[in-house]
Amino acid sequence: TISRDNSKNTVYLRMNSLKPTDTAVYYCAAYHRSRGSTVV
């Protein structure tokens, strides 16, 4: 589950029922909403 708290400038990723195949380096990323489109 992804969520964000704009008052804390933070985005979260809650990961449940983890599997060995979830092993990886996890990165967060951003782009400005002015780039358009209603779909992220």
PDB file of all heavy atoms in Angstrom:
ATOM      1  N   THR A   1       0.841  -1.189   0.000  1.00  0.00           N
ATOM      2  CA  THR A   1       0.000   0.000   0.000  1.00  0.00           C
ATOM      3  C   THR A   1       0.878   1.243   0.000  1.00  0.00           C
ATOM      4  O   THR A   1       1.749   1.385   0.864  1.00  0.00           O
ATOM      5  CB  THR A   1      -0.914   0.034   1.232  1.00  0.00           C
ATOM      6  OG1 THR A   1      -1.715  -1.151   1.277  1.00  0.00           O
ATOM      7  CG2 THR A   1      -1.829   1.262   1.188  1.00  0.00           C
ATOM      8  N   ILE A   2       0.640   2.112  -0.961  1.00  0.00           N
ATOM      9  CA  ILE A   2       1.348   3.383  -1.005  1.00  0.00           C
ATOM     10  C   ILE A   2       0.458   4.460  -0.404  1.00  0.00           C
ATOM     11  O   ILE A   2      -0.763   4.458  -0.583  1.00  0.00           O
ATOM     12  CB  ILE A   2       1.745   3.744  -2.463  1.00  0.00           C
ATOM     13  CG1 ILE A   2       2.669   4.961  -2.486  1.00  0.00           C
ATOM     14  CG2 ILE A   2       0.515   3.949  -3.342  1.00  0.00           C
ATOM     15  CD1 ILE A   2       3.271   5.243  -3.862  1.00  0.00           C
ATOM     16  N   SER A   3       1.085   5.364   0.327  1.00  0.00           N
ATOM     17  CA  SER A   3       0.338   6.476   0.917  1.00  0.00           C
ATOM     18  C   SER A   3       1.279   7.660   1.038  1.00  0.00           C
ATOM     19  O   SER A   3       2.492   7.523   0.870  1.00  0.00           O
ATOM     20  CB  SER A   3      -0.230   6.091   2.290  1.00  0.00           C
ATOM     21  OG  SER A   3       0.817   5.763   3.195  1.00  0.00           O
ATOM     22  N   ARG A   4       0.717   8.818   1.326  1.00  0.00           N
ATOM     23  CA  ARG A   4       1.547   9.998   1.505  1.00  0.00           C
ATOM     24  C   ARG A   4       0.933  10.900   2.557  1.00  0.00           C
ATOM     25  O   ARG A   4      -0.279  10.906   2.766  1.00  0.00           O
ATOM     26  CB  ARG A   4       1.711  10.740   0.180  1.00  0.00           C
ATOM     27  CG  ARG A   4       0.438  11.357  -0.386  1.00  0.00           C
ATOM     28  CD  ARG A   4       0.671  11.889  -1.814  1.00  0.00           C
ATOM     29  NE  ARG A   4       1.641  12.977  -1.849  1.00  0.00           N
ATOM     30  CZ  ARG A   4       2.281  13.359  -2.952  1.00  0.00           C
ATOM     31  NH1 ARG A   4       2.073  12.734  -4.093  1.00  0.00           N
ATOM     32  NH2 ARG A   4       3.130  14.364  -2.908  1.00  0.00           N
ATOM     33  N   ASP A   5       1.809  11.681   3.175  1.00  0.00           N
ATOM     34  CA  ASP A   5       1.389  12.691   4.146  1.00  0.00           C
ATOM     35  C   ASP A   5       2.022  13.992   3.690  1.00  0.00           C
ATOM     36  O   ASP A   5       3.221  14.223   3.915  1.00  0.00           O
ATOM     37  CB  ASP A   5       1.841  12.302   5.556  1.00  0.00           C
ATOM     38  CG  ASP A   5       1.317  13.242   6.619  1.00  0.00           C
ATOM     39  OD1 ASP A   5       0.949  14.393   6.279  1.00  0.00           O
ATOM     40  OD2 ASP A   5       1.295  12.858   7.789  1.00  0.00           O
ATOM     41  N   ASN A   6       1.237  14.826   3.034  1.00  0.00           N
ATOM     42  CA  ASN A   6       1.790  16.066   2.487  1.00  0.00           C
ATOM     43  C   ASN A   6       2.210  17.041   3.574  1.00  0.00           C
ATOM     44  O   ASN A   6       3.050  17.909   3.336  1.00  0.00           O
ATOM     45  CB  ASN A   6       0.793  16.707   1.530  1.00  0.00           C
ATOM     46  CG  ASN A   6       0.720  15.966   0.202  1.00  0.00           C
ATOM     47  OD1 ASN A   6       1.556  15.109  -0.105  1.00  0.00           O
ATOM     48  ND2 ASN A   6      -0.299  16.273  -0.588  1.00  0.00           N
ATOM     49  N   SER A   7       1.661  16.904   4.765  1.00  0.00           N
ATOM     50  CA  SER A   7       2.073  17.787   5.863  1.00  0.00           C
ATOM     51  C   SER A   7       3.452  17.404   6.397  1.00  0.00           C
ATOM     52  O   SER A   7       4.116  18.221   7.040  1.00  0.00           O
ATOM     53  CB  SER A   7       1.046  17.733   6.995  1.00  0.00           C
ATOM     54  OG  SER A   7       1.072  16.479   7.650  1.00  0.00           O
ATOM     55  N   LYS A   8       3.876  16.180   6.095  1.00  0.00           N
ATOM     56  CA  LYS A   8       5.193  15.706   6.545  1.00  0.00           C
ATOM     57  C   LYS A   8       6.170  15.514   5.388  1.00  0.00           C
ATOM     58  O   LYS A   8       7.276  15.025   5.589  1.00  0.00           O
ATOM     59  CB  LYS A   8       5.039  14.385   7.309  1.00  0.00           C
ATOM     60  CG  LYS A   8       4.255  14.507   8.591  1.00  0.00           C
ATOM     61  CD  LYS A   8       4.188  13.173   9.327  1.00  0.00           C
ATOM     62  CE  LYS A   8       3.437  13.322  10.650  1.00  0.00           C
ATOM     63  NZ  LYS A   8       3.349  12.028  11.385  1.00  0.00           N
ATOM     64  N   ASN A   9       5.734  15.873   4.181  1.00  0.00           N
ATOM     65  CA  ASN A   9       6.594  15.725   2.996  1.00  0.00           C
ATOM     66  C   ASN A   9       7.135  14.303   2.866  1.00  0.00           C
ATOM     67  O   ASN A   9       8.311  14.095   2.529  1.00  0.00           O
ATOM     68  CB  ASN A   9       7.772  16.721   3.043  1.00  0.00           C
ATOM     69  CG  ASN A   9       7.320  18.151   2.898  1.00  0.00           C
ATOM     70  OD1 ASN A   9       6.159  18.425   2.617  1.00  0.00           O
ATOM     71  ND2 ASN A   9       8.230  19.082   3.114  1.00  0.00           N
ATOM     72  N   THR A  10       6.277  13.343   3.101  1.00  0.00           N
ATOM     73  CA  THR A  10       6.725  11.951   3.134  1.00  0.00           C
ATOM     74  C   THR A  10       5.748  11.045   2.391  1.00  0.00           C
ATOM     75  O   THR A  10       4.526  11.215   2.501  1.00  0.00           O
ATOM     76  CB  THR A  10       6.872  11.470   4.583  1.00  0.00           C
ATOM     77  OG1 THR A  10       7.801  12.319   5.271  1.00  0.00           O
ATOM     78  CG2 THR A  10       7.388  10.041   4.642  1.00  0.00           C
ATOM     79  N   VAL A  11       6.322  10.094   1.671  1.00  0.00           N
ATOM     80  CA  VAL A  11       5.533   9.043   1.036  1.00  0.00           C
ATOM     81  C   VAL A  11       5.960   7.717   1.649  1.00  0.00           C
ATOM     82  O   VAL A  11       7.125   7.540   2.016  1.00  0.00           O
ATOM     83  CB  VAL A  11       5.711   9.057  -0.495  1.00  0.00           C
ATOM     84  CG1 VAL A  11       7.149   8.783  -0.903  1.00  0.00           C
ATOM     85  CG2 VAL A  11       4.764   8.077  -1.161  1.00  0.00           C
ATOM     86  N   TYR A  12       4.996   6.812   1.778  1.00  0.00           N
ATOM     87  CA  TYR A  12       5.240   5.540   2.439  1.00  0.00           C
ATOM     88  C   TYR A  12       4.915   4.376   1.506  1.00  0.00           C
ATOM     89  O   TYR A  12       4.099   4.496   0.589  1.00  0.00           O
ATOM     90  CB  TYR A  12       4.361   5.418   3.685  1.00  0.00           C
ATOM     91  CG  TYR A  12       4.514   6.542   4.668  1.00  0.00           C
ATOM     92  CD1 TYR A  12       3.625   7.615   4.669  1.00  0.00           C
ATOM     93  CD2 TYR A  12       5.550   6.543   5.597  1.00  0.00           C
ATOM     94  CE1 TYR A  12       3.759   8.655   5.566  1.00  0.00           C
ATOM     95  CE2 TYR A  12       5.687   7.582   6.507  1.00  0.00           C
ATOM     96  CZ  TYR A  12       4.795   8.631   6.481  1.00  0.00           C
ATOM     97  OH  TYR A  12       4.937   9.664   7.379  1.00  0.00           O
ATOM     98  N   LEU A  13       5.540   3.246   1.799  1.00  0.00           N
ATOM     99  CA  LEU A  13       5.165   2.001   1.130  1.00  0.00           C
ATOM    100  C   LEU A  13       5.065   0.924   2.202  1.00  0.00           C
ATOM    101  O   LEU A  13       6.072   0.503   2.766  1.00  0.00           O
ATOM    102  CB  LEU A  13       6.190   1.603   0.073  1.00  0.00           C
ATOM    103  CG  LEU A  13       5.806   0.360  -0.748  1.00  0.00           C
ATOM    104  CD1 LEU A  13       4.594   0.671  -1.639  1.00  0.00           C
ATOM    105  CD2 LEU A  13       6.981  -0.124  -1.596  1.00  0.00           C
ATOM    106  N   ARG A  14       3.837   0.530   2.479  1.00  0.00           N
ATOM    107  CA  ARG A  14       3.602  -0.539   3.439  1.00  0.00           C
ATOM    108  C   ARG A  14       3.631  -1.842   2.665  1.00  0.00           C
ATOM    109  O   ARG A  14       2.881  -2.026   1.715  1.00  0.00           O
ATOM    110  CB  ARG A  14       2.253  -0.363   4.120  1.00  0.00           C
ATOM    111  CG  ARG A  14       1.875  -1.496   5.070  1.00  0.00           C
ATOM    112  CD  ARG A  14       2.749  -1.520   6.298  1.00  0.00           C
ATOM    113  NE  ARG A  14       2.387  -2.588   7.232  1.00  0.00           N
ATOM    114  CZ  ARG A  14       2.991  -2.795   8.399  1.00  0.00           C
ATOM    115  NH1 ARG A  14       3.989  -2.018   8.784  1.00  0.00           N
ATOM    116  NH2 ARG A  14       2.600  -3.787   9.178  1.00  0.00           N
ATOM    117  N   MET A  15       4.482  -2.773   3.105  1.00  0.00           N
ATOM    118  CA  MET A  15       4.648  -4.041   2.408  1.00  0.00           C
ATOM    119  C   MET A  15       4.296  -5.183   3.355  1.00  0.00           C
ATOM    120  O   MET A  15       4.967  -5.368   4.379  1.00  0.00           O
ATOM    121  CB  MET A  15       6.096  -4.182   1.914  1.00  0.00           C
ATOM    122  CG  MET A  15       6.557  -3.008   1.061  1.00  0.00           C
ATOM    123  SD  MET A  15       8.200  -3.252   0.370  1.00  0.00           S
ATOM    124  CE  MET A  15       9.197  -3.221   1.857  1.00  0.00           C
ATOM    125  N   ASN A  16       3.259  -5.899   3.025  1.00  0.00           N
ATOM    126  CA  ASN A  16       2.818  -7.046   3.813  1.00  0.00           C
ATOM    127  C   ASN A  16       3.062  -8.342   3.049  1.00  0.00           C
ATOM    128  O   ASN A  16       3.239  -8.337   1.829  1.00  0.00           O
ATOM    129  CB  ASN A  16       1.324  -6.924   4.139  1.00  0.00           C
ATOM    130  CG  ASN A  16       1.010  -5.753   5.038  1.00  0.00           C
ATOM    131  OD1 ASN A  16       1.821  -5.326   5.856  1.00  0.00           O
ATOM    132  ND2 ASN A  16      -0.198  -5.210   4.887  1.00  0.00           N
ATOM    133  N   SER A  17       3.043  -9.445   3.778  1.00  0.00           N
ATOM    134  CA  SER A  17       3.198 -10.771   3.158  1.00  0.00           C
ATOM    135  C   SER A  17       4.389 -10.815   2.198  1.00  0.00           C
ATOM    136  O   SER A  17       4.278 -11.263   1.057  1.00  0.00           O
ATOM    137  CB  SER A  17       1.915 -11.151   2.409  1.00  0.00           C
ATOM    138  OG  SER A  17       0.798 -11.136   3.279  1.00  0.00           O
ATOM    139  N   LEU A  18       5.508 -10.359   2.690  1.00  0.00           N
ATOM    140  CA  LEU A  18       6.687 -10.262   1.834  1.00  0.00           C
ATOM    141  C   LEU A  18       7.155 -11.636   1.375  1.00  0.00           C
ATOM    142  O   LEU A  18       7.053 -12.637   2.098  1.00  0.00           O
ATOM    143  CB  LEU A  18       7.812  -9.541   2.552  1.00  0.00           C
ATOM    144  CG  LEU A  18       7.636  -8.007   2.592  1.00  0.00           C
ATOM    145  CD1 LEU A  18       8.485  -7.380   3.683  1.00  0.00           C
ATOM    146  CD2 LEU A  18       7.964  -7.405   1.234  1.00  0.00           C
ATOM    147  N   LYS A  19       7.674 -11.660   0.150  1.00  0.00           N
ATOM    148  CA  LYS A  19       8.173 -12.880  -0.475  1.00  0.00           C
ATOM    149  C   LYS A  19       9.650 -12.712  -0.826  1.00  0.00           C
ATOM    150  O   LYS A  19      10.110 -11.580  -1.023  1.00  0.00           O
ATOM    151  CB  LYS A  19       7.400 -13.151  -1.766  1.00  0.00           C
ATOM    152  CG  LYS A  19       5.897 -13.216  -1.617  1.00  0.00           C
ATOM    153  CD  LYS A  19       5.234 -13.351  -2.976  1.00  0.00           C
ATOM    154  CE  LYS A  19       3.720 -13.391  -2.866  1.00  0.00           C
ATOM    155  NZ  LYS A  19       3.071 -13.522  -4.195  1.00  0.00           N
ATOM    156  N   PRO A  20      10.383 -13.804  -0.952  1.00  0.00           N
ATOM    157  CA  PRO A  20      11.785 -13.675  -1.386  1.00  0.00           C
ATOM    158  C   PRO A  20      11.918 -12.935  -2.715  1.00  0.00           C
ATOM    159  O   PRO A  20      12.921 -12.252  -2.938  1.00  0.00           O
ATOM    160  CB  PRO A  20      12.232 -15.134  -1.493  1.00  0.00           C
ATOM    161  CG  PRO A  20      11.415 -15.843  -0.463  1.00  0.00           C
ATOM    162  CD  PRO A  20      10.066 -15.178  -0.532  1.00  0.00           C
ATOM    163  N   THR A  21      10.933 -13.046  -3.575  1.00  0.00           N
ATOM    164  CA  THR A  21      10.978 -12.350  -4.865  1.00  0.00           C
ATOM    165  C   THR A  21      10.821 -10.831  -4.724  1.00  0.00           C
ATOM    166  O   THR A  21      11.005 -10.102  -5.698  1.00  0.00           O
ATOM    167  CB  THR A  21       9.894 -12.880  -5.806  1.00  0.00           C
ATOM    168  OG1 THR A  21       8.633 -12.854  -5.112  1.00  0.00           O
ATOM    169  CG2 THR A  21      10.205 -14.302  -6.246  1.00  0.00           C
ATOM    170  N   ASP A  22      10.480 -10.355  -3.524  1.00  0.00           N
ATOM    171  CA  ASP A  22      10.419  -8.908  -3.286  1.00  0.00           C
ATOM    172  C   ASP A  22      11.790  -8.333  -2.942  1.00  0.00           C
ATOM    173  O   ASP A  22      11.928  -7.111  -2.790  1.00  0.00           O
ATOM    174  CB  ASP A  22       9.443  -8.600  -2.144  1.00  0.00           C
ATOM    175  CG  ASP A  22       8.009  -8.954  -2.481  1.00  0.00           C
ATOM    176  OD1 ASP A  22       7.580  -8.653  -3.613  1.00  0.00           O
ATOM    177  OD2 ASP A  22       7.326  -9.512  -1.604  1.00  0.00           O
ATOM    178  N   THR A  23      12.792  -9.178  -2.803  1.00  0.00           N
ATOM    179  CA  THR A  23      14.139  -8.720  -2.478  1.00  0.00           C
ATOM    180  C   THR A  23      14.672  -7.816  -3.578  1.00  0.00           C
ATOM    181  O   THR A  23      14.690  -8.191  -4.755  1.00  0.00           O
ATOM    182  CB  THR A  23      15.081  -9.923  -2.287  1.00  0.00           C
ATOM    183  OG1 THR A  23      14.653 -10.674  -1.147  1.00  0.00           O
ATOM    184  CG2 THR A  23      16.516  -9.466  -2.091  1.00  0.00           C
ATOM    185  N   ALA A  24      15.086  -6.608  -3.195  1.00  0.00           N
ATOM    186  CA  ALA A  24      15.556  -5.617  -4.168  1.00  0.00           C
ATOM    187  C   ALA A  24      15.980  -4.361  -3.413  1.00  0.00           C
ATOM    188  O   ALA A  24      15.709  -4.221  -2.218  1.00  0.00           O
ATOM    189  CB  ALA A  24      14.459  -5.271  -5.166  1.00  0.00           C
ATOM    190  N   VAL A  25      16.599  -3.464  -4.140  1.00  0.00           N
ATOM    191  CA  VAL A  25      16.774  -2.102  -3.653  1.00  0.00           C
ATOM    192  C   VAL A  25      15.521  -1.324  -4.076  1.00  0.00           C
ATOM    193  O   VAL A  25      15.132  -1.349  -5.242  1.00  0.00           O
ATOM    194  CB  VAL A  25      18.028  -1.448  -4.242  1.00  0.00           C
ATOM    195  CG1 VAL A  25      18.137   0.008  -3.759  1.00  0.00           C
ATOM    196  CG2 VAL A  25      19.276  -2.229  -3.848  1.00  0.00           C
ATOM    197  N   TYR A  26      14.919  -0.658  -3.116  1.00  0.00           N
ATOM    198  CA  TYR A  26      13.687   0.097  -3.362  1.00  0.00           C
ATOM    199  C   TYR A  26      14.018   1.586  -3.431  1.00  0.00           C
ATOM    200  O   TYR A  26      14.699   2.122  -2.549  1.00  0.00           O
ATOM    201  CB  TYR A  26      12.670  -0.178  -2.271  1.00  0.00           C
ATOM    202  CG  TYR A  26      11.988  -1.514  -2.435  1.00  0.00           C
ATOM    203  CD1 TYR A  26      12.682  -2.701  -2.206  1.00  0.00           C
ATOM    204  CD2 TYR A  26      10.664  -1.608  -2.857  1.00  0.00           C
ATOM    205  CE1 TYR A  26      12.078  -3.933  -2.392  1.00  0.00           C
ATOM    206  CE2 TYR A  26      10.045  -2.833  -3.033  1.00  0.00           C
ATOM    207  CZ  TYR A  26      10.758  -3.994  -2.802  1.00  0.00           C
ATOM    208  OH  TYR A  26      10.166  -5.207  -2.989  1.00  0.00           O
ATOM    209  N   TYR A  27      13.494   2.224  -4.483  1.00  0.00           N
ATOM    210  CA  TYR A  27      13.734   3.636  -4.728  1.00  0.00           C
ATOM    211  C   TYR A  27      12.420   4.393  -4.733  1.00  0.00           C
ATOM    212  O   TYR A  27      11.430   3.912  -5.296  1.00  0.00           O
ATOM    213  CB  TYR A  27      14.392   3.844  -6.087  1.00  0.00           C
ATOM    214  CG  TYR A  27      15.734   3.185  -6.263  1.00  0.00           C
ATOM    215  CD1 TYR A  27      15.830   1.882  -6.751  1.00  0.00           C
ATOM    216  CD2 TYR A  27      16.911   3.871  -5.950  1.00  0.00           C
ATOM    217  CE1 TYR A  27      17.061   1.283  -6.912  1.00  0.00           C
ATOM    218  CE2 TYR A  27      18.150   3.275  -6.122  1.00  0.00           C
ATOM    219  CZ  TYR A  27      18.223   1.974  -6.605  1.00  0.00           C
ATOM    220  OH  TYR A  27      19.438   1.381  -6.773  1.00  0.00           O
ATOM    221  N   CYS A  28      12.416   5.583  -4.158  1.00  0.00           N
ATOM    222  CA  CYS A  28      11.282   6.455  -4.395  1.00  0.00           C
ATOM    223  C   CYS A  28      11.672   7.491  -5.441  1.00  0.00           C
ATOM    224  O   CYS A  28      12.860   7.776  -5.643  1.00  0.00           O
ATOM    225  CB  CYS A  28      10.752   7.105  -3.124  1.00  0.00           C
ATOM    226  SG  CYS A  28      11.750   8.421  -2.453  1.00  0.00           S
ATOM    227  N   ALA A  29      10.683   8.006  -6.128  1.00  0.00           N
ATOM    228  CA  ALA A  29      10.911   8.906  -7.240  1.00  0.00           C
ATOM    229  C   ALA A  29       9.767   9.908  -7.334  1.00  0.00           C
ATOM    230  O   ALA A  29       8.671   9.660  -6.811  1.00  0.00           O
ATOM    231  CB  ALA A  29      11.048   8.119  -8.539  1.00  0.00           C
ATOM    232  N   ALA A  30      10.034  11.023  -8.018  1.00  0.00           N
ATOM    233  CA  ALA A  30       9.040  12.087  -8.101  1.00  0.00           C
ATOM    234  C   ALA A  30       9.071  12.759  -9.466  1.00  0.00           C
ATOM    235  O   ALA A  30      10.112  12.818 -10.119  1.00  0.00           O
ATOM    236  CB  ALA A  30       9.300  13.128  -7.016  1.00  0.00           C
ATOM    237  N   TYR A  31       7.913  13.271  -9.891  1.00  0.00           N
ATOM    238  CA  TYR A  31       7.873  14.189 -11.016  1.00  0.00           C
ATOM    239  C   TYR A  31       6.737  15.163 -10.786  1.00  0.00           C
ATOM    240  O   TYR A  31       5.750  14.852 -10.108  1.00  0.00           O
ATOM    241  CB  TYR A  31       7.757  13.467 -12.357  1.00  0.00           C
ATOM    242  CG  TYR A  31       6.421  12.853 -12.686  1.00  0.00           C
ATOM    243  CD1 TYR A  31       5.484  13.542 -13.460  1.00  0.00           C
ATOM    244  CD2 TYR A  31       6.088  11.573 -12.243  1.00  0.00           C
ATOM    245  CE1 TYR A  31       4.266  12.985 -13.774  1.00  0.00           C
ATOM    246  CE2 TYR A  31       4.873  11.016 -12.547  1.00  0.00           C
ATOM    247  CZ  TYR A  31       3.966  11.713 -13.319  1.00  0.00           C
ATOM    248  OH  TYR A  31       2.742  11.157 -13.618  1.00  0.00           O
ATOM    249  N   HIS A  32       6.865  16.343 -11.384  1.00  0.00           N
ATOM    250  CA  HIS A  32       5.927  17.432 -11.118  1.00  0.00           C
ATOM    251  C   HIS A  32       4.593  17.197 -11.819  1.00  0.00           C
ATOM    252  O   HIS A  32       4.551  16.772 -12.974  1.00  0.00           O
ATOM    253  CB  HIS A  32       6.535  18.761 -11.565  1.00  0.00           C
ATOM    254  CG  HIS A  32       5.921  19.942 -10.907  1.00  0.00           C
ATOM    255  ND1 HIS A  32       4.747  20.513 -11.379  1.00  0.00           N
ATOM    256  CD2 HIS A  32       6.279  20.644  -9.811  1.00  0.00           C
ATOM    257  CE1 HIS A  32       4.433  21.520 -10.609  1.00  0.00           C
ATOM    258  NE2 HIS A  32       5.335  21.640  -9.637  1.00  0.00           N
ATOM    259  N   ARG A  33       3.533  17.498 -11.127  1.00  0.00           N
ATOM    260  CA  ARG A  33       2.191  17.254 -11.674  1.00  0.00           C
ATOM    261  C   ARG A  33       1.851  18.152 -12.841  1.00  0.00           C
ATOM    262  O   ARG A  33       0.902  17.879 -13.582  1.00  0.00           O
ATOM    263  CB  ARG A  33       1.131  17.386 -10.598  1.00  0.00           C
ATOM    264  CG  ARG A  33       1.021  18.776  -9.969  1.00  0.00           C
ATOM    265  CD  ARG A  33       0.000  18.745  -8.869  1.00  0.00           C
ATOM    266  NE  ARG A  33      -0.062  19.990  -8.108  1.00  0.00           N
ATOM    267  CZ  ARG A  33      -1.154  20.735  -8.032  1.00  0.00           C
ATOM    268  NH1 ARG A  33      -2.247  20.386  -8.664  1.00  0.00           N
ATOM    269  NH2 ARG A  33      -1.153  21.827  -7.301  1.00  0.00           N
ATOM    270  N   SER A  34       2.638  19.213 -13.053  1.00  0.00           N
ATOM    271  CA  SER A  34       2.376  20.097 -14.189  1.00  0.00           C
ATOM    272  C   SER A  34       2.673  19.405 -15.514  1.00  0.00           C
ATOM    273  O   SER A  34       2.316  19.929 -16.577  1.00  0.00           O
ATOM    274  CB  SER A  34       3.219  21.364 -14.070  1.00  0.00           C
ATOM    275  OG  SER A  34       4.601  21.064 -14.176  1.00  0.00           O
ATOM    276  N   ARG A  35       3.305  18.262 -15.457  1.00  0.00           N
ATOM    277  CA  ARG A  35       3.624  17.538 -16.689  1.00  0.00           C
ATOM    278  C   ARG A  35       2.372  16.978 -17.332  1.00  0.00           C
ATOM    279  O   ARG A  35       2.414  16.447 -18.441  1.00  0.00           O
ATOM    280  CB  ARG A  35       4.600  16.405 -16.393  1.00  0.00           C
ATOM    281  CG  ARG A  35       5.975  16.885 -15.990  1.00  0.00           C
ATOM    282  CD  ARG A  35       6.987  16.542 -17.043  1.00  0.00           C
ATOM    283  NE  ARG A  35       7.002  15.120 -17.305  1.00  0.00           N
ATOM    284  CZ  ARG A  35       7.708  14.254 -16.608  1.00  0.00           C
ATOM    285  NH1 ARG A  35       8.445  14.671 -15.600  1.00  0.00           N
ATOM    286  NH2 ARG A  35       7.695  12.986 -16.912  1.00  0.00           N
ATOM    287  N   GLY A  36       1.240  17.095 -16.650  1.00  0.00           N
ATOM    288  CA  GLY A  36      -0.018  16.767 -17.302  1.00  0.00           C
ATOM    289  C   GLY A  36      -0.458  15.354 -17.109  1.00  0.00           C
ATOM    290  O   GLY A  36       0.182  14.594 -16.412  1.00  0.00           O
ATOM    291  N   SER A  37      -1.559  14.999 -17.687  1.00  0.00           N
ATOM    292  CA  SER A  37      -2.210  13.698 -17.638  1.00  0.00           C
ATOM    293  C   SER A  37      -2.887  13.481 -16.299  1.00  0.00           C
ATOM    294  O   SER A  37      -2.396  13.911 -15.259  1.00  0.00           O
ATOM    295  CB  SER A  37      -1.228  12.555 -17.908  1.00  0.00           C
ATOM    296  OG  SER A  37      -1.892  11.320 -17.820  1.00  0.00           O
ATOM    297  N   THR A  38      -4.023  12.833 -16.335  1.00  0.00           N
ATOM    298  CA  THR A  38      -4.750  12.520 -15.105  1.00  0.00           C
ATOM    299  C   THR A  38      -4.287  11.188 -14.533  1.00  0.00           C
ATOM    300  O   THR A  38      -4.665  10.834 -13.427  1.00  0.00           O
ATOM    301  CB  THR A  38      -6.250  12.458 -15.366  1.00  0.00           C
ATOM    302  OG1 THR A  38      -6.503  11.476 -16.384  1.00  0.00           O
ATOM    303  CG2 THR A  38      -6.781  13.800 -15.834  1.00  0.00           C
ATOM    304  N   VAL A  39      -3.458  10.473 -15.285  1.00  0.00           N
ATOM    305  CA  VAL A  39      -2.972   9.168 -14.844  1.00  0.00           C
ATOM    306  C   VAL A  39      -1.527   9.328 -14.397  1.00  0.00           C
ATOM    307  O   VAL A  39      -0.702   9.855 -15.143  1.00  0.00           O
ATOM    308  CB  VAL A  39      -3.065   8.129 -15.969  1.00  0.00           C
ATOM    309  CG1 VAL A  39      -2.506   6.802 -15.505  1.00  0.00           C
ATOM    310  CG2 VAL A  39      -4.508   7.995 -16.427  1.00  0.00           C
ATOM    311  N   VAL A  40      -1.208   8.867 -13.228  1.00  0.00           N
ATOM    312  CA  VAL A  40       0.165   8.958 -12.744  1.00  0.00           C
ATOM    313  C   VAL A  40       1.021   7.945 -13.496  1.00  0.00           C
ATOM    314  O   VAL A  40       0.613   6.803 -13.715  1.00  0.00           O
ATOM    315  CB  VAL A  40       0.230   8.695 -11.229  1.00  0.00           C
ATOM    316  CG1 VAL A  40       1.666   8.756 -10.732  1.00  0.00           C
ATOM    317  CG2 VAL A  40      -0.634   9.706 -10.490  1.00  0.00           C
TER     318      VAL A  40
END
